[in-house]
Amino acid sequence: MNLLTQYANEVAVTIERFGNDYNQFIHDFVFFNALSMPIYQFAEQTLNLSEDAKELFGDICWHAIRGMRNLFAHAYGTMSPIDIWETATTDIPLLADKINVVLNSNSHILDTIADGRKG
């Protein structure tokens, strides 16, 4: 499993553990923080994807992913809970599906991710 897949899976497991409930998410700082970290790490990993790898994914808005990563890193306290929730429940699952398609056909492209660990 590469790190993109790992962090996407951590998002899904966190939602499964705490429940797919936005109201609980916004009122439970542990849930909020537990869901935020793998989203941040997912976005962090995308920063070092090659242009060739990014092209394989099609129409993903890499600029938006980088922007969210920057907010997590530099302005976490100002993050919009609804944006985090929608990213976790809608965007990350869609990205995970695209990653799995790419991995199944081009696994060598994503073997080494940002921190150098093998997927």
Protein backbone atom coordinates (compact mmCIF):
# COMPACT_ATOMS: atom_id res chain seq x y z
CA MET A 1 0.00 0.00 0.00
CA ASN A 2 1.41 3.40 -0.87
CA LEU A 3 1.05 6.38 1.43
CA LEU A 4 -1.74 8.02 -0.58
CA THR A 5 -3.81 4.86 -0.24
CA GLN A 6 -2.85 4.52 3.42
CA TYR A 7 -4.02 8.03 4.31
CA ALA A 8 -7.22 7.69 2.27
CA ASN A 9 -7.89 4.47 4.17
CA GLU A 10 -7.21 6.23 7.50
CA VAL A 11 -9.86 8.81 6.60
CA ALA A 12 -12.39 6.02 5.95
CA VAL A 13 -11.47 4.14 9.13
CA THR A 14 -11.76 7.30 11.22
CA ILE A 15 -15.25 8.00 9.89
CA GLU A 16 -16.19 4.38 10.49
CA ARG A 17 -14.88 4.53 14.06
CA PHE A 18 -16.55 7.81 15.05
CA GLY A 19 -19.59 7.57 12.79
CA ASN A 20 -20.62 9.30 9.62
CA ASP A 21 -22.21 12.18 11.52
CA TYR A 22 -21.31 15.78 10.75
CA ASN A 23 -22.80 17.07 14.03
CA GLN A 24 -20.62 14.71 16.03
CA PHE A 25 -17.63 15.75 13.93
CA ILE A 26 -18.05 19.46 14.67
CA HIS A 27 -18.69 18.90 18.40
CA ASP A 28 -15.96 16.33 19.12
CA PHE A 29 -12.48 17.81 18.87
CA VAL A 30 -10.94 14.34 18.98
CA PHE A 31 -12.96 13.31 15.91
CA PHE A 32 -12.16 16.64 14.22
CA ASN A 33 -8.43 16.27 14.81
CA ALA A 34 -8.37 12.54 14.03
CA LEU A 35 -10.01 13.15 10.66
CA SER A 36 -7.94 16.21 9.84
CA MET A 37 -4.50 14.64 10.16
CA PRO A 38 -4.82 11.96 7.47
CA ILE A 39 -6.35 14.52 5.09
CA TYR A 40 -3.37 16.76 5.70
CA GLN A 41 -0.95 13.86 5.23
CA PHE A 42 -2.74 12.80 2.04
CA ALA A 43 -2.37 16.32 0.64
CA GLU A 44 1.26 16.47 1.78
CA GLN A 45 2.06 13.31 -0.18
CA THR A 46 0.62 14.75 -3.39
CA LEU A 47 3.12 17.63 -3.36
CA ASN A 48 5.93 15.42 -4.58
CA LEU A 49 4.11 13.52 -7.30
CA SER A 50 5.77 13.94 -10.65
CA GLU A 51 3.93 15.71 -13.44
CA ASP A 52 3.76 12.34 -15.25
CA ALA A 53 2.02 10.79 -12.25
CA LYS A 54 -0.39 13.71 -11.95
CA GLU A 55 -1.36 13.39 -15.61
CA LEU A 56 -2.45 9.80 -15.00
CA PHE A 57 -5.19 11.01 -12.65
CA GLY A 58 -6.95 13.17 -15.19
CA ASP A 59 -8.87 16.22 -14.03
CA ILE A 60 -7.83 16.41 -10.37
CA CYS A 61 -7.40 19.98 -9.15
CA TRP A 62 -3.91 19.74 -7.66
CA HIS A 63 -3.97 23.45 -6.84
CA ALA A 64 -6.96 22.95 -4.51
CA ILE A 65 -5.29 20.01 -2.77
CA ARG A 66 -2.14 22.09 -2.25
CA GLY A 67 -4.27 24.97 -0.95
CA MET A 68 -5.98 22.77 1.62
CA ARG A 69 -2.61 21.36 2.68
CA ASN A 70 -1.34 24.89 3.21
CA LEU A 71 -4.34 25.77 5.36
CA PHE A 72 -3.82 22.66 7.48
CA ALA A 73 -0.14 23.50 7.88
CA HIS A 74 -0.35 27.24 8.42
CA ALA A 75 -3.88 28.17 9.46
CA TYR A 76 -5.42 25.06 11.04
CA GLY A 77 -7.49 27.08 13.50
CA THR A 78 -9.26 28.83 10.64
CA MET A 79 -10.20 25.68 8.72
CA SER A 80 -13.85 25.38 7.79
CA PRO A 81 -15.34 22.26 9.37
CA ILE A 82 -17.71 21.78 6.42
CA ASP A 83 -14.77 21.88 3.99
CA ILE A 84 -12.91 19.25 6.01
CA TRP A 85 -16.04 17.09 6.27
CA GLU A 86 -16.81 17.31 2.55
CA THR A 87 -13.20 16.53 1.72
CA ALA A 88 -13.28 13.48 3.98
CA THR A 89 -16.65 12.14 2.90
CA THR A 90 -16.69 13.07 -0.79
CA ASP A 91 -13.30 14.08 -2.22
CA ILE A 92 -10.98 11.58 -0.54
CA PRO A 93 -13.12 8.54 -1.50
CA LEU A 94 -13.19 9.72 -5.14
CA LEU A 95 -9.45 10.32 -5.11
CA ALA A 96 -8.87 6.91 -3.52
CA ASP A 97 -10.81 5.27 -6.35
CA LYS A 98 -8.68 7.07 -8.94
CA ILE A 99 -5.50 6.12 -7.08
CA ASN A 100 -6.51 2.47 -7.11
CA VAL A 101 -7.12 2.58 -10.87
CA VAL A 102 -3.72 4.19 -11.43
CA LEU A 103 -1.97 1.75 -9.11
CA ASN A 104 -3.55 -1.22 -10.83
CA SER A 105 -2.24 -0.12 -14.21
CA ASN A 106 0.88 1.95 -13.39
CA SER A 107 2.10 0.90 -9.96
CA HIS A 108 5.71 1.84 -10.71
CA ILE A 109 4.72 5.53 -11.00
CA LEU A 110 3.66 5.81 -7.37
CA ASP A 111 6.19 3.46 -5.74
CA THR A 112 8.10 6.20 -3.95
CA ILE A 113 6.13 9.00 -2.36
CA ALA A 114 7.23 12.22 -0.64
CA ASP A 115 9.08 10.84 2.35
CA GLY A 116 10.87 8.15 0.36
CA ARG A 117 9.18 5.14 1.93
CA LYS A 118 8.11 2.41 -0.42
CA GLY A 119 4.36 1.99 -0.83
